[in-house]
N, C-alpha and C. Protein backbone atom coordinates (compact mmCIF):
# COMPACT_ATOMS: atom_id res chain seq x y z
N UNK A 1 -16.02 -1.93 6.17
CA UNK A 1 -14.58 -2.03 6.24
C UNK A 1 -13.99 -1.75 4.86
N UNK A 2 -12.92 -1.00 4.82
CA UNK A 2 -12.28 -0.61 3.57
C UNK A 2 -11.52 -1.79 2.96
N UNK A 3 -11.44 -1.80 1.64
CA UNK A 3 -10.64 -2.76 0.91
C UNK A 3 -9.26 -2.14 0.72
N UNK A 4 -8.24 -2.69 1.38
CA UNK A 4 -6.90 -2.11 1.39
C UNK A 4 -5.92 -3.06 0.70
N UNK A 5 -5.20 -2.51 -0.28
CA UNK A 5 -4.15 -3.26 -0.98
C UNK A 5 -2.88 -2.43 -0.94
N UNK A 6 -1.76 -3.07 -0.62
CA UNK A 6 -0.47 -2.38 -0.59
C UNK A 6 0.51 -3.14 -1.48
N UNK A 7 1.14 -2.42 -2.39
CA UNK A 7 2.18 -2.96 -3.25
C UNK A 7 3.51 -2.63 -2.58
N UNK A 8 4.36 -3.66 -2.41
CA UNK A 8 5.57 -3.53 -1.61
C UNK A 8 6.76 -4.22 -2.28
N UNK A 9 7.93 -4.01 -1.67
CA UNK A 9 9.11 -4.83 -1.90
C UNK A 9 9.65 -5.21 -0.52
N UNK A 10 10.40 -6.29 -0.44
CA UNK A 10 10.90 -6.75 0.87
C UNK A 10 11.86 -5.78 1.55
N UNK A 11 12.56 -4.95 0.80
CA UNK A 11 13.58 -4.07 1.38
C UNK A 11 13.10 -2.64 1.62
N UNK A 12 11.86 -2.36 1.31
CA UNK A 12 11.32 -0.99 1.40
C UNK A 12 10.99 -0.61 2.85
N UNK A 13 11.72 0.38 3.36
CA UNK A 13 11.50 0.85 4.73
C UNK A 13 10.10 1.45 4.89
N UNK A 14 9.66 2.22 3.92
CA UNK A 14 8.34 2.85 4.02
C UNK A 14 7.21 1.83 3.92
N UNK A 15 7.45 0.76 3.19
CA UNK A 15 6.47 -0.34 3.14
C UNK A 15 6.32 -0.95 4.54
N UNK A 16 7.45 -1.19 5.19
CA UNK A 16 7.43 -1.76 6.53
C UNK A 16 6.73 -0.83 7.51
N UNK A 17 7.00 0.47 7.39
CA UNK A 17 6.34 1.44 8.28
C UNK A 17 4.83 1.44 8.05
N UNK A 18 4.41 1.36 6.79
CA UNK A 18 2.98 1.35 6.48
C UNK A 18 2.32 0.10 7.03
N UNK A 19 2.95 -1.05 6.86
CA UNK A 19 2.39 -2.30 7.38
C UNK A 19 2.32 -2.28 8.90
N UNK A 20 3.30 -1.70 9.55
CA UNK A 20 3.28 -1.58 11.01
C UNK A 20 2.13 -0.66 11.45
N UNK A 21 1.93 0.44 10.71
CA UNK A 21 0.82 1.35 10.97
C UNK A 21 -0.51 0.59 10.87
N UNK A 22 -0.66 -0.22 9.81
CA UNK A 22 -1.89 -1.01 9.65
C UNK A 22 -2.06 -1.99 10.81
N UNK A 23 -0.98 -2.65 11.20
CA UNK A 23 -1.03 -3.61 12.30
C UNK A 23 -1.45 -2.92 13.60
N UNK A 24 -0.86 -1.77 13.88
CA UNK A 24 -1.17 -1.02 15.10
C UNK A 24 -2.65 -0.66 15.17
N UNK A 25 -3.24 -0.37 14.01
CA UNK A 25 -4.65 0.06 13.96
C UNK A 25 -5.59 -1.07 13.54
N UNK A 26 -5.06 -2.31 13.54
CA UNK A 26 -5.87 -3.48 13.21
C UNK A 26 -6.57 -3.35 11.85
N UNK A 27 -5.82 -2.89 10.86
CA UNK A 27 -6.34 -2.74 9.51
C UNK A 27 -5.92 -3.97 8.71
N UNK A 28 -6.88 -4.67 8.17
CA UNK A 28 -6.60 -5.84 7.34
C UNK A 28 -6.28 -5.36 5.92
N UNK A 29 -5.29 -5.99 5.30
CA UNK A 29 -4.87 -5.56 3.97
C UNK A 29 -4.37 -6.74 3.16
N UNK A 30 -4.33 -6.54 1.85
CA UNK A 30 -3.74 -7.49 0.93
C UNK A 30 -2.41 -6.91 0.49
N UNK A 31 -1.36 -7.71 0.60
CA UNK A 31 -0.03 -7.27 0.21
C UNK A 31 0.38 -7.95 -1.09
N UNK A 32 0.94 -7.14 -2.00
CA UNK A 32 1.44 -7.67 -3.27
C UNK A 32 2.90 -7.26 -3.40
N UNK A 33 3.79 -8.25 -3.44
CA UNK A 33 5.22 -8.02 -3.53
C UNK A 33 5.61 -7.86 -4.99
N UNK A 34 5.89 -6.63 -5.40
CA UNK A 34 6.21 -6.36 -6.81
C UNK A 34 7.63 -6.75 -7.17
N UNK A 35 8.47 -7.05 -6.19
CA UNK A 35 9.84 -7.49 -6.47
C UNK A 35 9.83 -8.93 -7.00
N UNK A 36 8.96 -9.74 -6.47
CA UNK A 36 8.94 -11.15 -6.84
C UNK A 36 7.78 -11.56 -7.71
N UNK A 37 6.88 -10.65 -8.01
CA UNK A 37 5.66 -10.99 -8.74
C UNK A 37 5.50 -10.03 -9.92
N UNK A 38 5.85 -10.50 -11.10
CA UNK A 38 5.79 -9.64 -12.29
C UNK A 38 4.37 -9.16 -12.59
N UNK A 39 3.39 -10.02 -12.39
CA UNK A 39 1.99 -9.64 -12.64
C UNK A 39 1.56 -8.51 -11.69
N UNK A 40 1.98 -8.60 -10.42
CA UNK A 40 1.64 -7.55 -9.44
C UNK A 40 2.33 -6.24 -9.82
N UNK A 41 3.58 -6.33 -10.28
CA UNK A 41 4.32 -5.13 -10.68
C UNK A 41 3.62 -4.45 -11.86
N UNK A 42 3.21 -5.23 -12.84
CA UNK A 42 2.49 -4.70 -14.01
C UNK A 42 1.16 -4.07 -13.58
N UNK A 43 0.44 -4.78 -12.71
CA UNK A 43 -0.84 -4.29 -12.21
C UNK A 43 -0.67 -2.95 -11.49
N UNK A 44 0.35 -2.86 -10.63
CA UNK A 44 0.60 -1.62 -9.89
C UNK A 44 0.87 -0.47 -10.85
N UNK A 45 1.72 -0.71 -11.84
CA UNK A 45 2.07 0.36 -12.79
C UNK A 45 0.86 0.78 -13.61
N UNK A 46 0.05 -0.18 -14.06
CA UNK A 46 -1.14 0.15 -14.84
C UNK A 46 -2.14 0.96 -14.03
N UNK A 47 -2.30 0.62 -12.76
CA UNK A 47 -3.26 1.32 -11.91
C UNK A 47 -2.77 2.70 -11.47
N UNK A 48 -1.44 2.82 -11.25
CA UNK A 48 -0.94 4.02 -10.59
C UNK A 48 0.02 4.87 -11.42
N UNK A 49 0.67 4.26 -12.41
CA UNK A 49 1.71 4.95 -13.14
C UNK A 49 3.00 5.09 -12.35
N UNK A 50 3.07 4.45 -11.19
CA UNK A 50 4.21 4.56 -10.28
C UNK A 50 5.14 3.37 -10.44
N UNK A 51 6.44 3.65 -10.26
CA UNK A 51 7.44 2.58 -10.25
C UNK A 51 7.94 2.32 -8.83
N UNK A 52 7.77 3.30 -7.93
CA UNK A 52 8.23 3.16 -6.54
C UNK A 52 7.13 2.63 -5.64
N UNK A 53 7.55 2.14 -4.50
CA UNK A 53 6.62 1.60 -3.50
C UNK A 53 6.84 2.32 -2.17
N UNK A 54 5.91 2.29 -1.27
CA UNK A 54 4.64 1.60 -1.39
C UNK A 54 3.61 2.40 -2.20
N UNK A 55 2.76 1.65 -2.86
CA UNK A 55 1.56 2.21 -3.47
C UNK A 55 0.41 1.52 -2.75
N UNK A 56 -0.47 2.32 -2.18
CA UNK A 56 -1.57 1.80 -1.37
C UNK A 56 -2.89 2.22 -1.99
N UNK A 57 -3.80 1.28 -2.10
CA UNK A 57 -5.17 1.59 -2.53
C UNK A 57 -6.10 1.29 -1.37
N UNK A 58 -6.89 2.29 -1.00
CA UNK A 58 -7.94 2.13 -0.01
C UNK A 58 -9.23 2.37 -0.76
N UNK A 59 -9.95 1.28 -1.00
CA UNK A 59 -11.06 1.28 -1.94
C UNK A 59 -10.52 1.82 -3.27
N UNK A 60 -11.00 2.94 -3.77
CA UNK A 60 -10.52 3.45 -5.07
C UNK A 60 -9.51 4.59 -4.91
N UNK A 61 -9.19 4.96 -3.68
CA UNK A 61 -8.24 6.06 -3.44
C UNK A 61 -6.81 5.53 -3.37
N UNK A 62 -5.91 6.24 -4.06
CA UNK A 62 -4.51 5.84 -4.10
C UNK A 62 -3.66 6.74 -3.20
N UNK A 63 -2.75 6.13 -2.47
CA UNK A 63 -1.77 6.85 -1.65
C UNK A 63 -0.39 6.31 -2.05
N UNK A 64 0.52 7.22 -2.37
CA UNK A 64 1.88 6.83 -2.72
C UNK A 64 2.79 7.21 -1.57
N UNK A 65 3.54 6.23 -1.07
CA UNK A 65 4.43 6.48 0.06
C UNK A 65 3.68 6.33 1.37
N UNK A 66 4.42 6.47 2.45
CA UNK A 66 3.83 6.37 3.79
C UNK A 66 3.36 7.74 4.23
N UNK A 67 2.11 8.06 3.88
CA UNK A 67 1.49 9.34 4.23
C UNK A 67 0.49 9.05 5.35
N UNK A 68 0.99 9.07 6.58
CA UNK A 68 0.18 8.67 7.73
C UNK A 68 -1.09 9.49 7.86
N UNK A 69 -1.00 10.79 7.61
CA UNK A 69 -2.18 11.65 7.74
C UNK A 69 -3.25 11.25 6.74
N UNK A 70 -2.86 11.04 5.48
CA UNK A 70 -3.82 10.68 4.44
C UNK A 70 -4.40 9.28 4.70
N UNK A 71 -3.55 8.35 5.09
CA UNK A 71 -4.05 7.01 5.40
C UNK A 71 -5.06 7.08 6.54
N UNK A 72 -4.78 7.84 7.56
CA UNK A 72 -5.71 7.99 8.70
C UNK A 72 -7.02 8.58 8.25
N UNK A 73 -6.97 9.58 7.39
CA UNK A 73 -8.20 10.19 6.87
C UNK A 73 -9.04 9.17 6.11
N UNK A 74 -8.41 8.44 5.20
CA UNK A 74 -9.15 7.48 4.38
C UNK A 74 -9.69 6.32 5.18
N UNK A 75 -9.00 5.95 6.26
CA UNK A 75 -9.42 4.81 7.07
C UNK A 75 -10.29 5.23 8.27
N UNK A 76 -10.47 6.53 8.45
CA UNK A 76 -11.30 7.00 9.57
C UNK A 76 -10.69 6.74 10.92
N UNK A 77 -9.36 6.85 10.99
CA UNK A 77 -8.66 6.60 12.25
C UNK A 77 -8.46 7.92 12.98
């Protein structure tokens, strides 16, 4: 099973779409809210160089935004 982490904010539509996609496919993930957690925000930026969300890590692969095709490929869906 893949190790999935998603960096989000509460108001991000694409974050919600990604989480719904994970739920539909029974993908377990760790969510880090960068709006309310300064350490998570710093961690996301250091790992990805990105300021926008969602930033998703599937094992060591990074996906920025809700890229359903790429997420499906990495998760074997």
